[in-house]
Amino acid sequence: MNQKTFNKLSLNAKRALLQNEGIFLATRQYRAHIVHLYDLNGSYIEVWNRIGYNCIEWIEFTNNKETIGTYLKKINIEEDLNI
């Protein structure tokens, strides 16, 4: 699915699509949000949740290398694999 088609979906349809086909990759905090990164058929999707609320505020494509880099900084292969 391309970005234009994805963006036309409702929030609930995007959530359902990620639940069924997405692969969770990582989480980060940005200001007042917890942001979850998913892989959806080779595209990166972020799910934005406001801290303190139990609801998704928005879901969007991301292809910004700086944004993806914030997730990569949190990965510690040796620690994660107990090496």
PDB file of N, CA and C in Angstrom:
ATOM      1  N   MET A   1       0.850  -1.181   0.000  1.00  0.00           N
ATOM      2  CA  MET A   1       0.000   0.000   0.000  1.00  0.00           C
ATOM      3  C   MET A   1       0.892   1.240   0.000  1.00  0.00           C
ATOM      4  N   ASN A   2       0.558   2.192  -0.849  1.00  0.00           N
ATOM      5  CA  ASN A   2       1.368   3.405  -0.884  1.00  0.00           C
ATOM      6  C   ASN A   2       0.871   4.420   0.150  1.00  0.00           C
ATOM      7  N   GLN A   3       1.667   5.447   0.354  1.00  0.00           N
ATOM      8  CA  GLN A   3       1.373   6.441   1.384  1.00  0.00           C
ATOM      9  C   GLN A   3       0.059   7.176   1.125  1.00  0.00           C
ATOM     10  N   LYS A   4      -0.205   7.517  -0.108  1.00  0.00           N
ATOM     11  CA  LYS A   4      -1.430   8.241  -0.443  1.00  0.00           C
ATOM     12  C   LYS A   4      -2.669   7.432  -0.097  1.00  0.00           C
ATOM     13  N   THR A   5      -2.659   6.164  -0.435  1.00  0.00           N
ATOM     14  CA  THR A   5      -3.783   5.277  -0.124  1.00  0.00           C
ATOM     15  C   THR A   5      -3.922   5.100   1.384  1.00  0.00           C
ATOM     16  N   PHE A   6      -2.797   4.893   2.064  1.00  0.00           N
ATOM     17  CA  PHE A   6      -2.809   4.726   3.519  1.00  0.00           C
ATOM     18  C   PHE A   6      -3.401   5.958   4.197  1.00  0.00           C
ATOM     19  N   ASN A   7      -2.993   7.132   3.751  1.00  0.00           N
ATOM     20  CA  ASN A   7      -3.457   8.374   4.373  1.00  0.00           C
ATOM     21  C   ASN A   7      -4.955   8.585   4.235  1.00  0.00           C
ATOM     22  N   LYS A   8      -5.572   7.978   3.240  1.00  0.00           N
ATOM     23  CA  LYS A   8      -7.018   8.106   3.038  1.00  0.00           C
ATOM     24  C   LYS A   8      -7.825   7.239   4.005  1.00  0.00           C
ATOM     25  N   LEU A   9      -7.173   6.263   4.630  1.00  0.00           N
ATOM     26  CA  LEU A   9      -7.868   5.374   5.568  1.00  0.00           C
ATOM     27  C   LEU A   9      -8.234   6.115   6.840  1.00  0.00           C
ATOM     28  N   SER A  10      -9.290   5.664   7.489  1.00  0.00           N
ATOM     29  CA  SER A  10      -9.649   6.214   8.799  1.00  0.00           C
ATOM     30  C   SER A  10      -8.625   5.750   9.840  1.00  0.00           C
ATOM     31  N   LEU A  11      -8.619   6.396  10.969  1.00  0.00           N
ATOM     32  CA  LEU A  11      -7.712   6.012  12.044  1.00  0.00           C
ATOM     33  C   LEU A  11      -7.940   4.555  12.447  1.00  0.00           C
ATOM     34  N   ASN A  12      -9.191   4.145  12.564  1.00  0.00           N
ATOM     35  CA  ASN A  12      -9.494   2.760  12.945  1.00  0.00           C
ATOM     36  C   ASN A  12      -9.039   1.769  11.879  1.00  0.00           C
ATOM     37  N   ALA A  13      -9.162   2.128  10.610  1.00  0.00           N
ATOM     38  CA  ALA A  13      -8.719   1.240   9.532  1.00  0.00           C
ATOM     39  C   ALA A  13      -7.195   1.117   9.527  1.00  0.00           C
ATOM     40  N   LYS A  14      -6.499   2.220   9.786  1.00  0.00           N
ATOM     41  CA  LYS A  14      -5.033   2.182   9.877  1.00  0.00           C
ATOM     42  C   LYS A  14      -4.600   1.282  11.039  1.00  0.00           C
ATOM     43  N   ARG A  15      -5.256   1.440  12.185  1.00  0.00           N
ATOM     44  CA  ARG A  15      -4.935   0.627  13.365  1.00  0.00           C
ATOM     45  C   ARG A  15      -5.150  -0.855  13.075  1.00  0.00           C
ATOM     46  N   ALA A  16      -6.275  -1.181  12.468  1.00  0.00           N
ATOM     47  CA  ALA A  16      -6.578  -2.577  12.143  1.00  0.00           C
ATOM     48  C   ALA A  16      -5.554  -3.149  11.162  1.00  0.00           C
ATOM     49  N   LEU A  17      -5.175  -2.366  10.171  1.00  0.00           N
ATOM     50  CA  LEU A  17      -4.180  -2.806   9.202  1.00  0.00           C
ATOM     51  C   LEU A  17      -2.843  -3.108   9.885  1.00  0.00           C
ATOM     52  N   LEU A  18      -2.424  -2.230  10.797  1.00  0.00           N
ATOM     53  CA  LEU A  18      -1.169  -2.467  11.518  1.00  0.00           C
ATOM     54  C   LEU A  18      -1.264  -3.691  12.423  1.00  0.00           C
ATOM     55  N   GLN A  19      -2.404  -3.875  13.073  1.00  0.00           N
ATOM     56  CA  GLN A  19      -2.582  -5.047  13.933  1.00  0.00           C
ATOM     57  C   GLN A  19      -2.489  -6.339  13.138  1.00  0.00           C
ATOM     58  N   ASN A  20      -3.025  -6.335  11.927  1.00  0.00           N
ATOM     59  CA  ASN A  20      -3.062  -7.548  11.114  1.00  0.00           C
ATOM     60  C   ASN A  20      -1.806  -7.785  10.294  1.00  0.00           C
ATOM     61  N   GLU A  21      -1.185  -6.719   9.807  1.00  0.00           N
ATOM     62  CA  GLU A  21      -0.071  -6.883   8.872  1.00  0.00           C
ATOM     63  C   GLU A  21       1.231  -6.219   9.306  1.00  0.00           C
ATOM     64  N   GLY A  22       1.160  -5.351  10.309  1.00  0.00           N
ATOM     65  CA  GLY A  22       2.356  -4.621  10.734  1.00  0.00           C
ATOM     66  C   GLY A  22       3.258  -5.430  11.652  1.00  0.00           C
ATOM     67  N   ILE A  23       4.518  -5.054  11.665  1.00  0.00           N
ATOM     68  CA  ILE A  23       5.504  -5.672  12.558  1.00  0.00           C
ATOM     69  C   ILE A  23       6.042  -4.579  13.460  1.00  0.00           C
ATOM     70  N   PHE A  24       5.829  -4.728  14.775  1.00  0.00           N
ATOM     71  CA  PHE A  24       6.323  -3.737  15.728  1.00  0.00           C
ATOM     72  C   PHE A  24       7.849  -3.744  15.735  1.00  0.00           C
ATOM     73  N   LEU A  25       8.453  -2.560  15.697  1.00  0.00           N
ATOM     74  CA  LEU A  25       9.908  -2.451  15.671  1.00  0.00           C
ATOM     75  C   LEU A  25      10.491  -1.800  16.917  1.00  0.00           C
ATOM     76  N   ALA A  26       9.928  -0.674  17.351  1.00  0.00           N
ATOM     77  CA  ALA A  26      10.546   0.062  18.456  1.00  0.00           C
ATOM     78  C   ALA A  26       9.594   1.127  18.985  1.00  0.00           C
ATOM     79  N   THR A  27       9.988   1.721  20.115  1.00  0.00           N
ATOM     80  CA  THR A  27       9.226   2.795  20.753  1.00  0.00           C
ATOM     81  C   THR A  27      10.171   3.918  21.128  1.00  0.00           C
ATOM     82  N   ARG A  28       9.672   5.138  21.056  1.00  0.00           N
ATOM     83  CA  ARG A  28      10.427   6.303  21.502  1.00  0.00           C
ATOM     84  C   ARG A  28       9.465   7.280  22.155  1.00  0.00           C
ATOM     85  N   GLN A  29      10.023   8.216  22.881  1.00  0.00           N
ATOM     86  CA  GLN A  29       9.213   9.290  23.451  1.00  0.00           C
ATOM     87  C   GLN A  29       9.576  10.581  22.744  1.00  0.00           C
ATOM     88  N   TYR A  30       8.561  11.358  22.387  1.00  0.00           N
ATOM     89  CA  TYR A  30       8.768  12.665  21.782  1.00  0.00           C
ATOM     90  C   TYR A  30       7.795  13.635  22.435  1.00  0.00           C
ATOM     91  N   ARG A  31       8.365  14.543  23.210  1.00  0.00           N
ATOM     92  CA  ARG A  31       7.573  15.515  23.966  1.00  0.00           C
ATOM     93  C   ARG A  31       6.474  14.816  24.753  1.00  0.00           C
ATOM     94  N   ALA A  32       5.207  15.096  24.487  1.00  0.00           N
ATOM     95  CA  ALA A  32       4.106  14.531  25.276  1.00  0.00           C
ATOM     96  C   ALA A  32       3.533  13.263  24.659  1.00  0.00           C
ATOM     97  N   HIS A  33       4.324  12.584  23.812  1.00  0.00           N
ATOM     98  CA  HIS A  33       3.827  11.393  23.118  1.00  0.00           C
ATOM     99  C   HIS A  33       4.768  10.196  23.281  1.00  0.00           C
ATOM    100  N   ILE A  34       4.166   9.030  23.308  1.00  0.00           N
ATOM    101  CA  ILE A  34       4.883   7.777  23.121  1.00  0.00           C
ATOM    102  C   ILE A  34       4.599   7.371  21.678  1.00  0.00           C
ATOM    103  N   VAL A  35       5.668   7.112  20.919  1.00  0.00           N
ATOM    104  CA  VAL A  35       5.526   6.838  19.494  1.00  0.00           C
ATOM    105  C   VAL A  35       6.054   5.435  19.206  1.00  0.00           C
ATOM    106  N   HIS A  36       5.240   4.622  18.579  1.00  0.00           N
ATOM    107  CA  HIS A  36       5.599   3.248  18.234  1.00  0.00           C
ATOM    108  C   HIS A  36       5.872   3.164  16.737  1.00  0.00           C
ATOM    109  N   LEU A  37       6.976   2.510  16.383  1.00  0.00           N
ATOM    110  CA  LEU A  37       7.358   2.346  14.983  1.00  0.00           C
ATOM    111  C   LEU A  37       7.017   0.939  14.518  1.00  0.00           C
ATOM    112  N   TYR A  38       6.381   0.859  13.354  1.00  0.00           N
ATOM    113  CA  TYR A  38       6.012  -0.418  12.744  1.00  0.00           C
ATOM    114  C   TYR A  38       6.559  -0.489  11.326  1.00  0.00           C
ATOM    115  N   ASP A  39       6.794  -1.707  10.879  1.00  0.00           N
ATOM    116  CA  ASP A  39       7.091  -1.980   9.477  1.00  0.00           C
ATOM    117  C   ASP A  39       5.796  -2.503   8.870  1.00  0.00           C
ATOM    118  N   LEU A  40       5.366  -1.872   7.795  1.00  0.00           N
ATOM    119  CA  LEU A  40       4.185  -2.328   7.082  1.00  0.00           C
ATOM    120  C   LEU A  40       4.586  -2.529   5.630  1.00  0.00           C
ATOM    121  N   ASN A  41       4.894  -3.777   5.289  1.00  0.00           N
ATOM    122  CA  ASN A  41       5.287  -4.131   3.919  1.00  0.00           C
ATOM    123  C   ASN A  41       6.444  -3.280   3.403  1.00  0.00           C
ATOM    124  N   GLY A  42       7.438  -3.068   4.252  1.00  0.00           N
ATOM    125  CA  GLY A  42       8.622  -2.329   3.844  1.00  0.00           C
ATOM    126  C   GLY A  42       8.549  -0.826   4.043  1.00  0.00           C
ATOM    127  N   SER A  43       7.449  -0.324   4.582  1.00  0.00           N
ATOM    128  CA  SER A  43       7.304   1.098   4.889  1.00  0.00           C
ATOM    129  C   SER A  43       7.275   1.284   6.400  1.00  0.00           C
ATOM    130  N   TYR A  44       7.787   2.416   6.861  1.00  0.00           N
ATOM    131  CA  TYR A  44       7.776   2.717   8.289  1.00  0.00           C
ATOM    132  C   TYR A  44       6.538   3.534   8.633  1.00  0.00           C
ATOM    133  N   ILE A  45       5.833   3.091   9.669  1.00  0.00           N
ATOM    134  CA  ILE A  45       4.617   3.738  10.139  1.00  0.00           C
ATOM    135  C   ILE A  45       4.800   4.063  11.620  1.00  0.00           C
ATOM    136  N   GLU A  46       4.429   5.291  12.013  1.00  0.00           N
ATOM    137  CA  GLU A  46       4.475   5.663  13.423  1.00  0.00           C
ATOM    138  C   GLU A  46       3.055   5.791  13.971  1.00  0.00           C
ATOM    139  N   VAL A  47       2.882   5.292  15.196  1.00  0.00           N
ATOM    140  CA  VAL A  47       1.618   5.390  15.918  1.00  0.00           C
ATOM    141  C   VAL A  47       1.862   6.306  17.115  1.00  0.00           C
ATOM    142  N   TRP A  48       1.140   7.406  17.163  1.00  0.00           N
ATOM    143  CA  TRP A  48       1.336   8.440  18.183  1.00  0.00           C
ATOM    144  C   TRP A  48       0.267   8.341  19.267  1.00  0.00           C
ATOM    145  N   ASN A  49       0.734   8.167  20.521  1.00  0.00           N
ATOM    146  CA  ASN A  49      -0.143   8.106  21.689  1.00  0.00           C
ATOM    147  C   ASN A  49       0.265   9.206  22.662  1.00  0.00           C
ATOM    148  N   ARG A  50      -0.698  10.019  23.097  1.00  0.00           N
ATOM    149  CA  ARG A  50      -0.388  11.050  24.085  1.00  0.00           C
ATOM    150  C   ARG A  50      -0.170  10.389  25.445  1.00  0.00           C
ATOM    151  N   ILE A  51       0.915  10.758  26.124  1.00  0.00           N
ATOM    152  CA  ILE A  51       1.236  10.197  27.432  1.00  0.00           C
ATOM    153  C   ILE A  51       0.091  10.511  28.400  1.00  0.00           C
ATOM    154  N   GLY A  52      -0.328   9.491  29.146  1.00  0.00           N
ATOM    155  CA  GLY A  52      -1.387   9.646  30.126  1.00  0.00           C
ATOM    156  C   GLY A  52      -2.779   9.344  29.592  1.00  0.00           C
ATOM    157  N   TYR A  53      -2.892   9.128  28.298  1.00  0.00           N
ATOM    158  CA  TYR A  53      -4.174   8.800  27.676  1.00  0.00           C
ATOM    159  C   TYR A  53      -4.042   7.431  27.021  1.00  0.00           C
ATOM    160  N   ASN A  54      -5.102   6.694  27.032  1.00  0.00           N
ATOM    161  CA  ASN A  54      -5.080   5.355  26.454  1.00  0.00           C
ATOM    162  C   ASN A  54      -5.756   5.368  25.082  1.00  0.00           C
ATOM    163  N   CYS A  55      -5.222   6.220  24.187  1.00  0.00           N
ATOM    164  CA  CYS A  55      -5.805   6.273  22.851  1.00  0.00           C
ATOM    165  C   CYS A  55      -4.753   6.726  21.844  1.00  0.00           C
ATOM    166  N   ILE A  56      -4.958   6.334  20.620  1.00  0.00           N
ATOM    167  CA  ILE A  56      -4.079   6.726  19.519  1.00  0.00           C
ATOM    168  C   ILE A  56      -4.554   8.080  19.008  1.00  0.00           C
ATOM    169  N   GLU A  57      -3.624   9.037  18.914  1.00  0.00           N
ATOM    170  CA  GLU A  57      -3.987  10.349  18.378  1.00  0.00           C
ATOM    171  C   GLU A  57      -3.883  10.374  16.858  1.00  0.00           C
ATOM    172  N   TRP A  58      -2.820   9.766  16.309  1.00  0.00           N
ATOM    173  CA  TRP A  58      -2.710   9.670  14.865  1.00  0.00           C
ATOM    174  C   TRP A  58      -1.710   8.598  14.469  1.00  0.00           C
ATOM    175  N   ILE A  59      -1.796   8.197  13.203  1.00  0.00           N
ATOM    176  CA  ILE A  59      -0.908   7.183  12.632  1.00  0.00           C
ATOM    177  C   ILE A  59      -0.430   7.745  11.296  1.00  0.00           C
ATOM    178  N   GLU A  60       0.888   7.687  11.069  1.00  0.00           N
ATOM    179  CA  GLU A  60       1.418   8.288   9.842  1.00  0.00           C
ATOM    180  C   GLU A  60       2.630   7.536   9.304  1.00  0.00           C
ATOM    181  N   PHE A  61       2.847   7.659   8.010  1.00  0.00           N
ATOM    182  CA  PHE A  61       4.067   7.182   7.362  1.00  0.00           C
ATOM    183  C   PHE A  61       5.224   8.045   7.838  1.00  0.00           C
ATOM    184  N   THR A  62       6.404   7.476   7.915  1.00  0.00           N
ATOM    185  CA  THR A  62       7.607   8.281   8.111  1.00  0.00           C
ATOM    186  C   THR A  62       8.717   7.718   7.246  1.00  0.00           C
ATOM    187  N   ASN A  63       9.425   8.596   6.588  1.00  0.00           N
ATOM    188  CA  ASN A  63      10.595   8.192   5.822  1.00  0.00           C
ATOM    189  C   ASN A  63      11.758   9.137   6.108  1.00  0.00           C
ATOM    190  N   ASN A  64      11.611   9.902   7.188  1.00  0.00           N
ATOM    191  CA  ASN A  64      12.631  10.845   7.606  1.00  0.00           C
ATOM    192  C   ASN A  64      13.774  10.087   8.274  1.00  0.00           C
ATOM    193  N   LYS A  65      14.971  10.176   7.708  1.00  0.00           N
ATOM    194  CA  LYS A  65      16.124   9.430   8.233  1.00  0.00           C
ATOM    195  C   LYS A  65      16.476   9.843   9.655  1.00  0.00           C
ATOM    196  N   GLU A  66      16.293  11.100   9.977  1.00  0.00           N
ATOM    197  CA  GLU A  66      16.577  11.570  11.343  1.00  0.00           C
ATOM    198  C   GLU A  66      15.616  10.933  12.346  1.00  0.00           C
ATOM    199  N   THR A  67      14.351  10.841  11.963  1.00  0.00           N
ATOM    200  CA  THR A  67      13.354  10.207  12.832  1.00  0.00           C
ATOM    201  C   THR A  67      13.682   8.739  13.036  1.00  0.00           C
ATOM    202  N   ILE A  68      13.982   8.029  11.972  1.00  0.00           N
ATOM    203  CA  ILE A  68      14.345   6.612  12.075  1.00  0.00           C
ATOM    204  C   ILE A  68      15.597   6.459  12.928  1.00  0.00           C
ATOM    205  N   GLY A  69      16.529   7.388  12.806  1.00  0.00           N
ATOM    206  CA  GLY A  69      17.760   7.358  13.592  1.00  0.00           C
ATOM    207  C   GLY A  69      17.511   7.419  15.086  1.00  0.00           C
ATOM    208  N   THR A  70      16.445   8.112  15.520  1.00  0.00           N
ATOM    209  CA  THR A  70      16.161   8.166  16.953  1.00  0.00           C
ATOM    210  C   THR A  70      15.814   6.784  17.505  1.00  0.00           C
ATOM    211  N   TYR A  71      15.201   5.957  16.687  1.00  0.00           N
ATOM    212  CA  TYR A  71      14.918   4.579  17.111  1.00  0.00           C
ATOM    213  C   TYR A  71      16.203   3.750  17.127  1.00  0.00           C
ATOM    214  N   LEU A  72      17.039   3.928  16.135  1.00  0.00           N
ATOM    215  CA  LEU A  72      18.272   3.145  16.038  1.00  0.00           C
ATOM    216  C   LEU A  72      19.208   3.397  17.212  1.00  0.00           C
ATOM    217  N   LYS A  73      19.203   4.609  17.725  1.00  0.00           N
ATOM    218  CA  LYS A  73      20.060   4.949  18.869  1.00  0.00           C
ATOM    219  C   LYS A  73      19.703   4.135  20.107  1.00  0.00           C
ATOM    220  N   LYS A  74      18.470   3.667  20.197  1.00  0.00           N
ATOM    221  CA  LYS A  74      18.013   2.912  21.360  1.00  0.00           C
ATOM    222  C   LYS A  74      18.330   1.420  21.280  1.00  0.00           C
ATOM    223  N   ILE A  75      18.780   0.964  20.130  1.00  0.00           N
ATOM    224  CA  ILE A  75      19.050  -0.459  19.943  1.00  0.00           C
ATOM    225  C   ILE A  75      20.455  -0.794  20.418  1.00  0.00           C
ATOM    226  N   ASN A  76      20.534  -1.787  21.288  1.00  0.00           N
ATOM    227  CA  ASN A  76      21.814  -2.293  21.774  1.00  0.00           C
ATOM    228  C   ASN A  76      21.798  -3.802  21.517  1.00  0.00           C
ATOM    229  N   ILE A  77      22.382  -4.209  20.405  1.00  0.00           N
ATOM    230  CA  ILE A  77      22.339  -5.614  19.983  1.00  0.00           C
ATOM    231  C   ILE A  77      22.870  -6.552  21.062  1.00  0.00           C
ATOM    232  N   GLU A  78      24.008  -6.228  21.631  1.00  0.00           N
ATOM    233  CA  GLU A  78      24.615  -7.107  22.637  1.00  0.00           C
ATOM    234  C   GLU A  78      23.711  -7.271  23.854  1.00  0.00           C
ATOM    235  N   GLU A  79      23.139  -6.160  24.311  1.00  0.00           N
ATOM    236  CA  GLU A  79      22.246  -6.228  25.476  1.00  0.00           C
ATOM    237  C   GLU A  79      20.951  -6.952  25.132  1.00  0.00           C
ATOM    238  N   ASP A  80      20.370  -6.606  23.986  1.00  0.00           N
ATOM    239  CA  ASP A  80      19.104  -7.210  23.586  1.00  0.00           C
ATOM    240  C   ASP A  80      19.211  -8.712  23.360  1.00  0.00           C
ATOM    241  N   LEU A  81      20.371  -9.177  22.900  1.00  0.00           N
ATOM    242  CA  LEU A  81      20.580 -10.616  22.639  1.00  0.00           C
ATOM    243  C   LEU A  81      21.348 -11.324  23.747  1.00  0.00           C
ATOM    244  N   ASN A  82      21.623 -10.590  24.837  1.00  0.00           N
ATOM    245  CA  ASN A  82      22.390 -11.145  25.974  1.00  0.00           C
ATOM    246  C   ASN A  82      23.712 -11.735  25.548  1.00  0.00           C
ATOM    247  N   ILE A  83      24.430 -11.007  24.727  1.00  0.00           N
ATOM    248  CA  ILE A  83      25.743 -11.488  24.234  1.00  0.00           C
ATOM    249  C   ILE A  83      26.835 -10.992  25.181  1.00  0.00           C
TER     250      ILE A  83
END
